[in-house]
Amino acid sequence: MDRVFARFIDKFGGLVGRQEVPVSSIERYRGKLPDQLLEYWAEHGWCGYGEGIFWIVNPQEYEGVVALWLKGTKFESLDTYHLIARSAFGDLYLWGERTGASLDITSCLSRYTVHEPLLSREQMDKDLRSFLLSAEVEYNDFDDLFKPAKKKLGALRHDEMYGFVPALMFGGPDTLEHLEKVKAVEHLILLAQLAELKPYSLSDL
């Protein structure tokens, strides 16, 4: 295990729901995602960390999710994006084939954040390491609700997340009482259809 991933695991810990990554999946994304990420897949699989607060995922399972979220936005033609990781609450971390770790989506609020794009493919592995080193448990914990949600609703499987019902975009409250354990893909597809994807503004902070 290299030092970057070792630091990432030390920070998050709590590995859950590991799935072995088939060689066919690694080859499917060769040249599209960083070689370093594919090496991590081969060694560590697709897996949840921090007891399920952060997941490194199979992008193929989320192709429909990404397509719906980006439909009609400037990102649809800007790059080809793949979901490489997500949080327990549906924070989506997208990787652009040309722009790297340049786009995050907070699905429950229909907000996005753009990061400085890469300048060259040679920087891909470096950008991937920076992405992992910058990931923090607290940034993926919506209003410190992860531990209470896990205690009330149970641990997440690899295909599950905690979602607000009714959705926040419908005016639902962001409280523990309105969190449910839901299927991740289905819930993210639902959220993508509720409101226009907009950039974060100062009023959101």
N, C-alpha and C. Protein backbone atom coordinates (compact mmCIF):
# COMPACT_ATOMS: atom_id res chain seq x y z
N MET A 1 0.84 -1.20 0.00
CA MET A 1 0.00 0.00 0.00
C MET A 1 0.88 1.25 0.00
N ASP A 2 0.58 2.20 -0.90
CA ASP A 2 1.41 3.39 -0.94
C ASP A 2 1.05 4.35 0.20
N ARG A 3 1.89 5.35 0.41
CA ARG A 3 1.74 6.24 1.57
C ARG A 3 0.46 7.07 1.50
N VAL A 4 0.09 7.48 0.31
CA VAL A 4 -1.11 8.32 0.17
C VAL A 4 -2.36 7.55 0.60
N PHE A 5 -2.50 6.33 0.11
CA PHE A 5 -3.69 5.56 0.47
C PHE A 5 -3.65 5.14 1.94
N ALA A 6 -2.45 4.90 2.44
CA ALA A 6 -2.31 4.58 3.86
C ALA A 6 -2.78 5.75 4.73
N ARG A 7 -2.41 6.98 4.32
CA ARG A 7 -2.86 8.17 5.06
C ARG A 7 -4.37 8.34 4.95
N PHE A 8 -4.91 8.06 3.77
CA PHE A 8 -6.36 8.15 3.56
C PHE A 8 -7.09 7.17 4.49
N ILE A 9 -6.61 5.93 4.57
CA ILE A 9 -7.25 4.93 5.42
C ILE A 9 -7.08 5.29 6.90
N ASP A 10 -5.91 5.80 7.27
CA ASP A 10 -5.69 6.22 8.66
C ASP A 10 -6.70 7.30 9.05
N LYS A 11 -7.00 8.19 8.11
CA LYS A 11 -7.90 9.30 8.38
C LYS A 11 -9.35 8.84 8.50
N PHE A 12 -9.77 7.96 7.60
CA PHE A 12 -11.17 7.52 7.57
C PHE A 12 -11.40 6.25 8.38
N GLY A 13 -10.55 5.23 8.14
CA GLY A 13 -10.72 3.97 8.85
C GLY A 13 -12.05 3.31 8.52
N GLY A 14 -12.42 2.32 9.34
CA GLY A 14 -13.74 1.70 9.28
C GLY A 14 -14.15 1.18 7.92
N LEU A 15 -13.37 0.27 7.32
CA LEU A 15 -13.68 -0.27 6.00
C LEU A 15 -14.92 -1.16 6.05
N VAL A 16 -15.83 -0.97 5.08
CA VAL A 16 -17.05 -1.77 5.01
C VAL A 16 -17.41 -2.04 3.56
N GLY A 17 -18.16 -3.11 3.34
CA GLY A 17 -18.78 -3.38 2.04
C GLY A 17 -17.83 -3.53 0.89
N ARG A 18 -16.68 -4.15 1.10
CA ARG A 18 -15.69 -4.26 0.01
C ARG A 18 -16.19 -5.16 -1.10
N GLN A 19 -16.00 -4.69 -2.34
CA GLN A 19 -16.30 -5.48 -3.53
C GLN A 19 -15.02 -5.64 -4.35
N GLU A 20 -14.73 -6.86 -4.74
CA GLU A 20 -13.59 -7.11 -5.60
C GLU A 20 -13.86 -6.49 -6.97
N VAL A 21 -12.85 -5.86 -7.55
CA VAL A 21 -13.00 -5.21 -8.86
C VAL A 21 -12.52 -6.16 -9.96
N PRO A 22 -13.40 -6.53 -10.88
CA PRO A 22 -12.96 -7.42 -11.96
C PRO A 22 -11.99 -6.72 -12.91
N VAL A 23 -11.14 -7.51 -13.53
CA VAL A 23 -10.17 -6.98 -14.48
C VAL A 23 -10.87 -6.23 -15.61
N SER A 24 -12.04 -6.72 -16.01
CA SER A 24 -12.78 -6.07 -17.10
C SER A 24 -13.15 -4.63 -16.76
N SER A 25 -13.45 -4.36 -15.49
CA SER A 25 -13.80 -3.00 -15.08
C SER A 25 -12.57 -2.09 -15.10
N ILE A 26 -11.44 -2.65 -14.68
CA ILE A 26 -10.21 -1.87 -14.72
C ILE A 26 -9.85 -1.50 -16.15
N GLU A 27 -9.98 -2.46 -17.05
CA GLU A 27 -9.65 -2.19 -18.45
C GLU A 27 -10.66 -1.25 -19.09
N ARG A 28 -11.91 -1.30 -18.65
CA ARG A 28 -12.95 -0.43 -19.19
C ARG A 28 -12.60 1.05 -18.99
N TYR A 29 -11.94 1.34 -17.87
CA TYR A 29 -11.64 2.73 -17.53
C TYR A 29 -10.19 3.12 -17.73
N ARG A 30 -9.41 2.22 -18.32
CA ARG A 30 -8.02 2.57 -18.58
C ARG A 30 -7.96 3.67 -19.64
N GLY A 31 -7.23 4.73 -19.34
CA GLY A 31 -7.14 5.87 -20.24
C GLY A 31 -8.23 6.90 -19.99
N LYS A 32 -9.24 6.53 -19.19
CA LYS A 32 -10.32 7.46 -18.85
C LYS A 32 -10.17 7.98 -17.42
N LEU A 33 -9.71 7.11 -16.53
CA LEU A 33 -9.46 7.46 -15.14
C LEU A 33 -7.97 7.28 -14.86
N PRO A 34 -7.45 7.90 -13.81
CA PRO A 34 -6.02 7.81 -13.53
C PRO A 34 -5.56 6.36 -13.30
N ASP A 35 -4.38 6.04 -13.80
CA ASP A 35 -3.82 4.71 -13.55
C ASP A 35 -3.72 4.43 -12.05
N GLN A 36 -3.42 5.48 -11.29
CA GLN A 36 -3.28 5.32 -9.84
C GLN A 36 -4.60 4.85 -9.21
N LEU A 37 -5.73 5.39 -9.67
CA LEU A 37 -7.02 4.96 -9.15
C LEU A 37 -7.29 3.50 -9.50
N LEU A 38 -6.96 3.12 -10.72
CA LEU A 38 -7.16 1.74 -11.14
C LEU A 38 -6.30 0.78 -10.31
N GLU A 39 -5.11 1.23 -9.93
CA GLU A 39 -4.26 0.42 -9.06
C GLU A 39 -4.89 0.28 -7.67
N TYR A 40 -5.47 1.37 -7.16
CA TYR A 40 -6.16 1.31 -5.87
C TYR A 40 -7.35 0.36 -5.94
N TRP A 41 -8.08 0.41 -7.05
CA TRP A 41 -9.20 -0.53 -7.23
C TRP A 41 -8.70 -1.97 -7.14
N ALA A 42 -7.63 -2.26 -7.87
CA ALA A 42 -7.12 -3.63 -7.92
C ALA A 42 -6.69 -4.10 -6.54
N GLU A 43 -6.09 -3.20 -5.76
CA GLU A 43 -5.57 -3.59 -4.45
C GLU A 43 -6.63 -3.58 -3.36
N HIS A 44 -7.51 -2.58 -3.39
CA HIS A 44 -8.44 -2.37 -2.27
C HIS A 44 -9.91 -2.60 -2.62
N GLY A 45 -10.21 -2.75 -3.90
CA GLY A 45 -11.60 -2.94 -4.31
C GLY A 45 -12.40 -1.65 -4.24
N TRP A 46 -13.70 -1.76 -4.54
CA TRP A 46 -14.64 -0.68 -4.27
C TRP A 46 -15.11 -0.87 -2.86
N CYS A 47 -15.09 0.20 -2.06
CA CYS A 47 -15.21 -0.01 -0.63
C CYS A 47 -15.73 1.26 0.06
N GLY A 48 -16.38 1.05 1.20
CA GLY A 48 -16.77 2.17 2.04
C GLY A 48 -15.74 2.40 3.12
N TYR A 49 -15.58 3.66 3.51
CA TYR A 49 -14.61 4.04 4.55
C TYR A 49 -15.32 4.89 5.59
N GLY A 50 -14.71 4.98 6.77
CA GLY A 50 -15.36 5.72 7.85
C GLY A 50 -16.69 5.09 8.22
N GLU A 51 -16.75 3.74 8.19
CA GLU A 51 -17.96 2.97 8.50
C GLU A 51 -19.09 3.24 7.51
N GLY A 52 -18.73 3.77 6.33
CA GLY A 52 -19.72 3.98 5.29
C GLY A 52 -20.05 5.43 5.02
N ILE A 53 -19.28 6.36 5.57
CA ILE A 53 -19.55 7.78 5.32
C ILE A 53 -19.01 8.21 3.96
N PHE A 54 -18.02 7.47 3.43
CA PHE A 54 -17.38 7.80 2.16
C PHE A 54 -17.15 6.51 1.38
N TRP A 55 -17.51 6.51 0.11
CA TRP A 55 -17.42 5.30 -0.71
C TRP A 55 -16.64 5.57 -1.99
N ILE A 56 -15.69 4.70 -2.29
CA ILE A 56 -15.08 4.66 -3.62
C ILE A 56 -15.88 3.63 -4.41
N VAL A 57 -16.44 4.06 -5.55
CA VAL A 57 -17.49 3.28 -6.18
C VAL A 57 -17.14 2.83 -7.59
N ASN A 58 -18.00 1.97 -8.11
CA ASN A 58 -17.93 1.51 -9.48
C ASN A 58 -18.62 2.55 -10.36
N PRO A 59 -17.88 3.29 -11.18
CA PRO A 59 -18.50 4.35 -11.99
C PRO A 59 -19.58 3.85 -12.93
N GLN A 60 -19.45 2.61 -13.38
CA GLN A 60 -20.42 2.07 -14.34
C GLN A 60 -21.82 2.03 -13.74
N GLU A 61 -21.93 1.76 -12.44
CA GLU A 61 -23.23 1.70 -11.78
C GLU A 61 -23.92 3.07 -11.75
N TYR A 62 -23.13 4.13 -11.89
CA TYR A 62 -23.67 5.48 -11.74
C TYR A 62 -23.68 6.27 -13.05
N GLU A 63 -23.51 5.59 -14.18
CA GLU A 63 -23.50 6.29 -15.46
C GLU A 63 -24.81 7.03 -15.70
N GLY A 64 -25.94 6.38 -15.38
CA GLY A 64 -27.23 7.02 -15.56
C GLY A 64 -27.43 8.20 -14.63
N VAL A 65 -26.91 8.08 -13.41
CA VAL A 65 -26.99 9.16 -12.43
C VAL A 65 -26.24 10.39 -12.95
N VAL A 66 -25.01 10.18 -13.40
CA VAL A 66 -24.19 11.29 -13.90
C VAL A 66 -24.86 11.95 -15.11
N ALA A 67 -25.36 11.13 -16.02
CA ALA A 67 -26.00 11.66 -17.22
C ALA A 67 -27.19 12.55 -16.87
N LEU A 68 -28.00 12.13 -15.91
CA LEU A 68 -29.18 12.92 -15.52
C LEU A 68 -28.79 14.22 -14.84
N TRP A 69 -27.81 14.16 -13.94
CA TRP A 69 -27.40 15.37 -13.23
C TRP A 69 -26.81 16.41 -14.17
N LEU A 70 -26.11 15.97 -15.19
CA LEU A 70 -25.42 16.91 -16.08
C LEU A 70 -26.24 17.31 -17.30
N LYS A 71 -27.37 16.64 -17.51
CA LYS A 71 -28.20 16.92 -18.69
C LYS A 71 -28.65 18.38 -18.69
N GLY A 72 -28.40 19.05 -19.81
CA GLY A 72 -28.82 20.43 -19.95
C GLY A 72 -27.91 21.45 -19.29
N THR A 73 -26.81 20.99 -18.69
CA THR A 73 -25.86 21.91 -18.06
C THR A 73 -24.65 22.10 -18.98
N LYS A 74 -23.83 23.08 -18.65
CA LYS A 74 -22.62 23.34 -19.44
C LYS A 74 -21.64 22.18 -19.36
N PHE A 75 -21.76 21.37 -18.29
CA PHE A 75 -20.81 20.27 -18.09
C PHE A 75 -21.04 19.13 -19.07
N GLU A 76 -22.25 19.06 -19.61
CA GLU A 76 -22.60 17.97 -20.53
C GLU A 76 -21.67 17.93 -21.74
N SER A 77 -21.26 19.12 -22.21
CA SER A 77 -20.39 19.19 -23.39
C SER A 77 -18.95 19.55 -23.02
N LEU A 78 -18.73 19.88 -21.75
CA LEU A 78 -17.40 20.33 -21.34
C LEU A 78 -16.40 19.19 -21.24
N ASP A 79 -16.88 18.02 -20.79
CA ASP A 79 -15.98 16.89 -20.55
C ASP A 79 -16.84 15.63 -20.43
N THR A 80 -16.18 14.49 -20.35
CA THR A 80 -16.85 13.22 -20.04
C THR A 80 -16.54 12.88 -18.59
N TYR A 81 -17.58 12.83 -17.77
CA TYR A 81 -17.39 12.67 -16.33
C TYR A 81 -17.78 11.28 -15.86
N HIS A 82 -17.07 10.83 -14.83
CA HIS A 82 -17.36 9.54 -14.19
C HIS A 82 -17.42 9.76 -12.69
N LEU A 83 -18.38 9.12 -12.03
CA LEU A 83 -18.46 9.20 -10.58
C LEU A 83 -17.45 8.23 -9.98
N ILE A 84 -16.49 8.75 -9.21
CA ILE A 84 -15.48 7.86 -8.61
C ILE A 84 -15.69 7.66 -7.12
N ALA A 85 -16.45 8.57 -6.48
CA ALA A 85 -16.68 8.44 -5.04
C ALA A 85 -17.94 9.22 -4.67
N ARG A 86 -18.51 8.86 -3.52
CA ARG A 86 -19.70 9.56 -3.03
C ARG A 86 -19.73 9.44 -1.51
N SER A 87 -20.53 10.30 -0.90
CA SER A 87 -20.69 10.24 0.56
C SER A 87 -21.97 9.49 0.90
N ALA A 88 -22.17 9.25 2.19
CA ALA A 88 -23.37 8.57 2.68
C ALA A 88 -24.62 9.39 2.43
N PHE A 89 -24.47 10.70 2.21
CA PHE A 89 -25.61 11.58 2.02
C PHE A 89 -25.75 12.06 0.57
N GLY A 90 -24.95 11.47 -0.32
CA GLY A 90 -25.10 11.80 -1.73
C GLY A 90 -24.27 12.94 -2.24
N ASP A 91 -23.17 13.26 -1.56
CA ASP A 91 -22.18 14.16 -2.16
C ASP A 91 -21.47 13.36 -3.25
N LEU A 92 -21.47 13.89 -4.46
CA LEU A 92 -20.95 13.16 -5.61
C LEU A 92 -19.63 13.77 -6.08
N TYR A 93 -18.63 12.91 -6.24
CA TYR A 93 -17.31 13.36 -6.66
C TYR A 93 -17.06 12.83 -8.07
N LEU A 94 -17.07 13.75 -9.02
CA LEU A 94 -16.95 13.38 -10.43
C LEU A 94 -15.54 13.65 -10.95
N TRP A 95 -15.12 12.75 -11.83
CA TRP A 95 -13.81 12.87 -12.46
C TRP A 95 -14.01 13.10 -13.95
N GLY A 96 -13.46 14.20 -14.46
CA GLY A 96 -13.51 14.47 -15.89
C GLY A 96 -12.31 13.86 -16.58
N GLU A 97 -12.54 13.25 -17.73
CA GLU A 97 -11.44 12.60 -18.43
C GLU A 97 -10.35 13.59 -18.82
N ARG A 98 -10.72 14.85 -19.04
CA ARG A 98 -9.73 15.88 -19.37
C ARG A 98 -9.45 16.83 -18.21
N THR A 99 -10.42 16.97 -17.30
CA THR A 99 -10.31 18.00 -16.25
C THR A 99 -10.08 17.44 -14.85
N GLY A 100 -10.04 16.12 -14.71
CA GLY A 100 -9.73 15.52 -13.41
C GLY A 100 -10.80 15.74 -12.36
N ALA A 101 -10.36 15.89 -11.11
CA ALA A 101 -11.29 16.04 -9.98
C ALA A 101 -11.79 17.48 -9.93
N SER A 102 -12.62 17.82 -10.92
CA SER A 102 -12.98 19.23 -11.13
C SER A 102 -14.43 19.56 -10.80
N LEU A 103 -15.25 18.55 -10.44
CA LEU A 103 -16.67 18.81 -10.23
C LEU A 103 -17.23 17.96 -9.10
N ASP A 104 -17.82 18.63 -8.11
CA ASP A 104 -18.53 17.96 -7.01
C ASP A 104 -19.98 18.40 -7.03
N ILE A 105 -20.88 17.49 -6.70
CA ILE A 105 -22.31 17.80 -6.63
C ILE A 105 -22.85 17.42 -5.26
N THR A 106 -23.52 18.35 -4.61
CA THR A 106 -24.24 18.06 -3.36
C THR A 106 -25.67 17.77 -3.77
N SER A 107 -26.00 16.49 -3.91
CA SER A 107 -27.25 16.11 -4.56
C SER A 107 -28.49 16.53 -3.77
N CYS A 108 -28.43 16.49 -2.45
CA CYS A 108 -29.64 16.80 -1.68
C CYS A 108 -30.02 18.27 -1.77
N LEU A 109 -29.07 19.12 -2.20
CA LEU A 109 -29.34 20.55 -2.36
C LEU A 109 -29.33 20.99 -3.82
N SER A 110 -28.97 20.09 -4.72
CA SER A 110 -28.82 20.39 -6.16
C SER A 110 -27.85 21.55 -6.38
N ARG A 111 -26.69 21.46 -5.75
CA ARG A 111 -25.65 22.47 -5.87
C ARG A 111 -24.36 21.82 -6.33
N TYR A 112 -23.55 22.58 -7.07
CA TYR A 112 -22.27 22.05 -7.52
C TYR A 112 -21.13 22.99 -7.16
N THR A 113 -19.93 22.40 -7.09
CA THR A 113 -18.70 23.14 -6.87
C THR A 113 -17.71 22.75 -7.96
N VAL A 114 -17.06 23.74 -8.55
CA VAL A 114 -16.07 23.49 -9.60
C VAL A 114 -14.68 23.74 -9.03
N HIS A 115 -13.75 22.87 -9.37
CA HIS A 115 -12.36 23.03 -8.95
C HIS A 115 -11.50 23.30 -10.18
N GLU A 116 -10.34 23.84 -9.95
CA GLU A 116 -9.41 24.16 -11.04
C GLU A 116 -9.13 22.90 -11.86
N PRO A 117 -9.40 22.93 -13.18
CA PRO A 117 -9.18 21.74 -13.99
C PRO A 117 -7.70 21.46 -14.22
N LEU A 118 -7.42 20.24 -14.60
CA LEU A 118 -6.05 19.86 -14.92
C LEU A 118 -5.58 20.51 -16.22
N LEU A 119 -4.28 20.59 -16.36
CA LEU A 119 -3.70 21.14 -17.58
C LEU A 119 -3.19 20.05 -18.50
N SER A 120 -2.91 18.88 -17.95
CA SER A 120 -2.38 17.80 -18.78
C SER A 120 -2.70 16.45 -18.16
N ARG A 121 -2.72 15.42 -19.00
CA ARG A 121 -2.99 14.06 -18.51
C ARG A 121 -1.87 13.58 -17.59
N GLU A 122 -0.69 14.15 -17.73
CA GLU A 122 0.43 13.73 -16.89
C GLU A 122 0.16 14.04 -15.41
N GLN A 123 -0.76 14.96 -15.15
CA GLN A 123 -1.06 15.35 -13.78
C GLN A 123 -2.15 14.50 -13.13
N MET A 124 -2.73 13.57 -13.88
CA MET A 124 -3.88 12.81 -13.41
C MET A 124 -3.62 12.09 -12.09
N ASP A 125 -2.53 11.34 -12.03
CA ASP A 125 -2.23 10.58 -10.81
C ASP A 125 -2.00 11.50 -9.62
N LYS A 126 -1.32 12.61 -9.86
CA LYS A 126 -1.07 13.58 -8.80
C LYS A 126 -2.38 14.18 -8.31
N ASP A 127 -3.29 14.49 -9.23
CA ASP A 127 -4.58 15.06 -8.86
C ASP A 127 -5.42 14.07 -8.07
N LEU A 128 -5.33 12.79 -8.43
CA LEU A 128 -6.06 11.76 -7.70
C LEU A 128 -5.56 11.64 -6.27
N ARG A 129 -4.24 11.69 -6.10
CA ARG A 129 -3.67 11.63 -4.75
C ARG A 129 -4.11 12.86 -3.94
N SER A 130 -4.10 14.02 -4.57
CA SER A 130 -4.53 15.24 -3.88
C SER A 130 -5.99 15.15 -3.48
N PHE A 131 -6.82 14.55 -4.33
CA PHE A 131 -8.23 14.36 -4.02
C PHE A 131 -8.39 13.52 -2.75
N LEU A 132 -7.67 12.42 -2.67
CA LEU A 132 -7.78 11.54 -1.50
C LEU A 132 -7.24 12.21 -0.23
N LEU A 133 -6.14 12.93 -0.38
CA LEU A 133 -5.55 13.58 0.79
C LEU A 133 -6.41 14.73 1.29
N SER A 134 -7.19 15.34 0.40
CA SER A 134 -8.03 16.46 0.81
C SER A 134 -9.39 16.02 1.35
N ALA A 135 -9.74 14.76 1.13
CA ALA A 135 -11.02 14.26 1.63
C ALA A 135 -11.00 14.24 3.17
N GLU A 136 -12.10 14.69 3.76
CA GLU A 136 -12.20 14.74 5.22
C GLU A 136 -13.54 14.16 5.66
N VAL A 137 -13.52 13.47 6.79
CA VAL A 137 -14.75 12.88 7.33
C VAL A 137 -15.80 13.96 7.53
N GLU A 138 -15.43 15.07 8.13
CA GLU A 138 -16.40 16.11 8.49
C GLU A 138 -17.07 16.72 7.26
N TYR A 139 -16.35 16.81 6.15
CA TYR A 139 -16.94 17.39 4.94
C TYR A 139 -18.01 16.49 4.33
N ASN A 140 -17.99 15.21 4.68
CA ASN A 140 -18.95 14.25 4.14
C ASN A 140 -20.07 13.92 5.11
N ASP A 141 -20.06 14.58 6.26
CA ASP A 141 -21.05 14.32 7.31
C ASP A 141 -22.05 15.48 7.35
N PHE A 142 -23.21 15.28 6.74
CA PHE A 142 -24.21 16.33 6.64
C PHE A 142 -24.74 16.68 8.03
N ASP A 143 -24.41 17.88 8.50
CA ASP A 143 -24.88 18.38 9.81
C ASP A 143 -24.63 17.38 10.95
N ASP A 144 -23.51 16.66 10.88
CA ASP A 144 -23.14 15.69 11.92
C ASP A 144 -24.22 14.63 12.15
N LEU A 145 -24.90 14.26 11.07
CA LEU A 145 -26.01 13.30 11.19
C LEU A 145 -25.60 11.86 10.94
N PHE A 146 -24.33 11.62 10.54
CA PHE A 146 -23.98 10.25 10.15
C PHE A 146 -24.10 9.26 11.31
N LYS A 147 -23.47 9.55 12.43
CA LYS A 147 -23.52 8.59 13.55
C LYS A 147 -24.94 8.39 14.07
N PRO A 148 -25.73 9.47 14.26
CA PRO A 148 -27.12 9.26 14.67
C PRO A 148 -27.93 8.46 13.65
N ALA A 149 -27.69 8.70 12.35
CA ALA A 149 -28.41 7.98 11.31
C ALA A 149 -28.02 6.50 11.31
N LYS A 150 -26.74 6.24 11.46
CA LYS A 150 -26.27 4.85 11.49
C LYS A 150 -26.85 4.11 12.70
N LYS A 151 -26.93 4.79 13.83
CA LYS A 151 -27.50 4.18 15.04
C LYS A 151 -28.99 3.90 14.87
N LYS A 152 -29.71 4.84 14.25
CA LYS A 152 -31.16 4.70 14.10
C LYS A 152 -31.54 3.77 12.96
N LEU A 153 -30.86 3.90 11.81
CA LEU A 153 -31.28 3.21 10.59
C LEU A 153 -30.44 1.99 10.25
N GLY A 154 -29.27 1.87 10.89
CA GLY A 154 -28.38 0.76 10.60
C GLY A 154 -27.31 1.14 9.59
N ALA A 155 -26.30 0.28 9.50
CA ALA A 155 -25.17 0.54 8.60
C ALA A 155 -25.60 0.45 7.15
N LEU A 156 -24.88 1.16 6.29
CA LEU A 156 -25.17 1.18 4.86
C LEU A 156 -24.49 0.02 4.15
N ARG A 157 -25.17 -0.53 3.16
CA ARG A 157 -24.55 -1.44 2.21
C ARG A 157 -23.95 -0.60 1.08
N HIS A 158 -23.21 -1.23 0.19
CA HIS A 158 -22.50 -0.48 -0.86
C HIS A 158 -23.45 0.24 -1.80
N ASP A 159 -24.69 -0.22 -1.90
CA ASP A 159 -25.65 0.38 -2.84
C ASP A 159 -26.69 1.24 -2.12
N GLU A 160 -26.40 1.67 -0.89
CA GLU A 160 -27.36 2.44 -0.11
C GLU A 160 -26.78 3.78 0.34
N MET A 161 -27.66 4.70 0.70
CA MET A 161 -27.27 5.99 1.24
C MET A 161 -28.36 6.45 2.20
N TYR A 162 -28.10 7.52 2.93
CA TYR A 162 -29.12 8.14 3.76
C TYR A 162 -29.72 9.31 2.99
N GLY A 163 -31.04 9.29 2.84
CA GLY A 163 -31.71 10.35 2.08
C GLY A 163 -32.82 10.98 2.89
N PHE A 164 -33.03 12.27 2.66
CA PHE A 164 -34.11 12.99 3.34
C PHE A 164 -35.44 12.74 2.62
N VAL A 165 -36.45 12.39 3.41
CA VAL A 165 -37.79 12.14 2.89
C VAL A 165 -38.80 12.91 3.74
N PRO A 166 -39.50 13.91 3.16
CA PRO A 166 -39.40 14.37 1.77
C PRO A 166 -38.07 15.07 1.50
N ALA A 167 -37.72 15.15 0.22
CA ALA A 167 -36.45 15.75 -0.18
C ALA A 167 -36.37 17.21 0.26
N LEU A 168 -35.16 17.65 0.56
CA LEU A 168 -34.96 19.04 0.98
C LEU A 168 -35.43 20.01 -0.09
N MET A 169 -35.32 19.62 -1.36
CA MET A 169 -35.74 20.50 -2.44
C MET A 169 -37.26 20.64 -2.52
N PHE A 170 -37.97 19.75 -1.82
CA PHE A 170 -39.42 19.87 -1.67
C PHE A 170 -39.79 20.64 -0.41
N GLY A 171 -38.77 21.13 0.29
CA GLY A 171 -39.03 21.86 1.51
C GLY A 171 -39.02 21.00 2.76
N GLY A 172 -38.57 19.75 2.62
CA GLY A 172 -38.50 18.86 3.77
C GLY A 172 -37.43 19.31 4.75
N PRO A 173 -37.59 19.00 6.04
CA PRO A 173 -36.60 19.41 7.04
C PRO A 173 -35.35 18.52 7.01
N ASP A 174 -34.20 19.11 7.33
CA ASP A 174 -32.94 18.37 7.32
C ASP A 174 -32.65 17.81 8.71
N THR A 175 -33.55 16.98 9.21
CA THR A 175 -33.44 16.42 10.55
C THR A 175 -33.33 14.91 10.50
N LEU A 176 -32.85 14.34 11.59
CA LEU A 176 -32.69 12.88 11.69
C LEU A 176 -34.02 12.17 11.48
N GLU A 177 -35.09 12.75 11.97
CA GLU A 177 -36.41 12.14 11.88
C GLU A 177 -36.87 11.96 10.44
N HIS A 178 -36.29 12.74 9.53
CA HIS A 178 -36.69 12.67 8.12
C HIS A 178 -35.63 12.01 7.24
N LEU A 179 -34.68 11.33 7.85
CA LEU A 179 -33.71 10.54 7.10
C LEU A 179 -34.20 9.10 6.98
N GLU A 180 -33.98 8.53 5.80
CA GLU A 180 -34.27 7.11 5.58
C GLU A 180 -33.10 6.46 4.87
N LYS A 181 -32.98 5.17 5.04
CA LYS A 181 -31.98 4.42 4.27
C LYS A 181 -32.61 4.09 2.92
N VAL A 182 -31.97 4.53 1.84
CA VAL A 182 -32.54 4.38 0.50
C VAL A 182 -31.50 3.79 -0.45
N LYS A 183 -31.98 3.25 -1.57
CA LYS A 183 -31.08 2.77 -2.61
C LYS A 183 -30.41 3.98 -3.27
N ALA A 184 -29.10 3.97 -3.34
CA ALA A 184 -28.35 5.14 -3.77
C ALA A 184 -28.69 5.56 -5.21
N VAL A 185 -28.60 4.65 -6.15
CA VAL A 185 -28.81 5.01 -7.56
C VAL A 185 -30.22 5.55 -7.77
N GLU A 186 -31.20 4.85 -7.24
CA GLU A 186 -32.59 5.27 -7.44
C GLU A 186 -32.86 6.63 -6.81
N HIS A 187 -32.32 6.86 -5.60
CA HIS A 187 -32.56 8.12 -4.91
C HIS A 187 -31.85 9.28 -5.62
N LEU A 188 -30.64 9.03 -6.10
CA LEU A 188 -29.89 10.08 -6.80
C LEU A 188 -30.55 10.44 -8.13
N ILE A 189 -31.14 9.46 -8.79
CA ILE A 189 -31.88 9.73 -10.03
C ILE A 189 -33.12 10.57 -9.73
N LEU A 190 -33.80 10.25 -8.63
CA LEU A 190 -34.96 11.05 -8.22
C LEU A 190 -34.55 12.50 -7.95
N LEU A 191 -33.49 12.68 -7.17
CA LEU A 191 -33.06 14.03 -6.81
C LEU A 191 -32.65 14.84 -8.04
N ALA A 192 -32.07 14.16 -9.02
CA ALA A 192 -31.61 14.86 -10.23
C ALA A 192 -32.76 15.49 -11.00
N GLN A 193 -33.97 15.00 -10.78
CA GLN A 193 -35.13 15.47 -11.54
C GLN A 193 -35.96 16.51 -10.81
N LEU A 194 -35.54 16.88 -9.58
CA LEU A 194 -36.36 17.75 -8.76
C LEU A 194 -36.08 19.24 -8.95
N ALA A 195 -34.85 19.59 -9.25
CA ALA A 195 -34.49 21.01 -9.32
C ALA A 195 -33.30 21.20 -10.24
N GLU A 196 -33.18 22.41 -10.77
CA GLU A 196 -32.05 22.74 -11.63
C GLU A 196 -30.75 22.73 -10.83
N LEU A 197 -29.71 22.16 -11.41
CA LEU A 197 -28.40 22.13 -10.76
C LEU A 197 -27.79 23.53 -10.84
N LYS A 198 -27.45 24.08 -9.68
CA LYS A 198 -26.91 25.44 -9.62
C LYS A 198 -25.61 25.47 -8.84
N PRO A 199 -24.77 26.49 -9.06
CA PRO A 199 -23.53 26.60 -8.28
C PRO A 199 -23.85 27.04 -6.86
N TYR A 200 -22.97 26.67 -5.95
CA TYR A 200 -23.09 27.17 -4.59
C TYR A 200 -22.98 28.69 -4.60
N SER A 201 -23.75 29.35 -3.75
CA SER A 201 -23.64 30.79 -3.60
C SER A 201 -23.40 31.10 -2.12
N LEU A 202 -23.08 32.35 -1.82
CA LEU A 202 -22.81 32.73 -0.44
C LEU A 202 -24.02 32.47 0.47
N SER A 203 -25.22 32.54 -0.09
CA SER A 203 -26.42 32.32 0.71
C SER A 203 -26.60 30.87 1.12
N ASP A 204 -25.86 29.95 0.46
CA ASP A 204 -25.96 28.54 0.81
C ASP A 204 -25.07 28.20 1.99
N LEU A 205 -24.14 29.07 2.33
CA LEU A 205 -23.14 28.77 3.35
C LEU A 205 -23.67 29.08 4.73
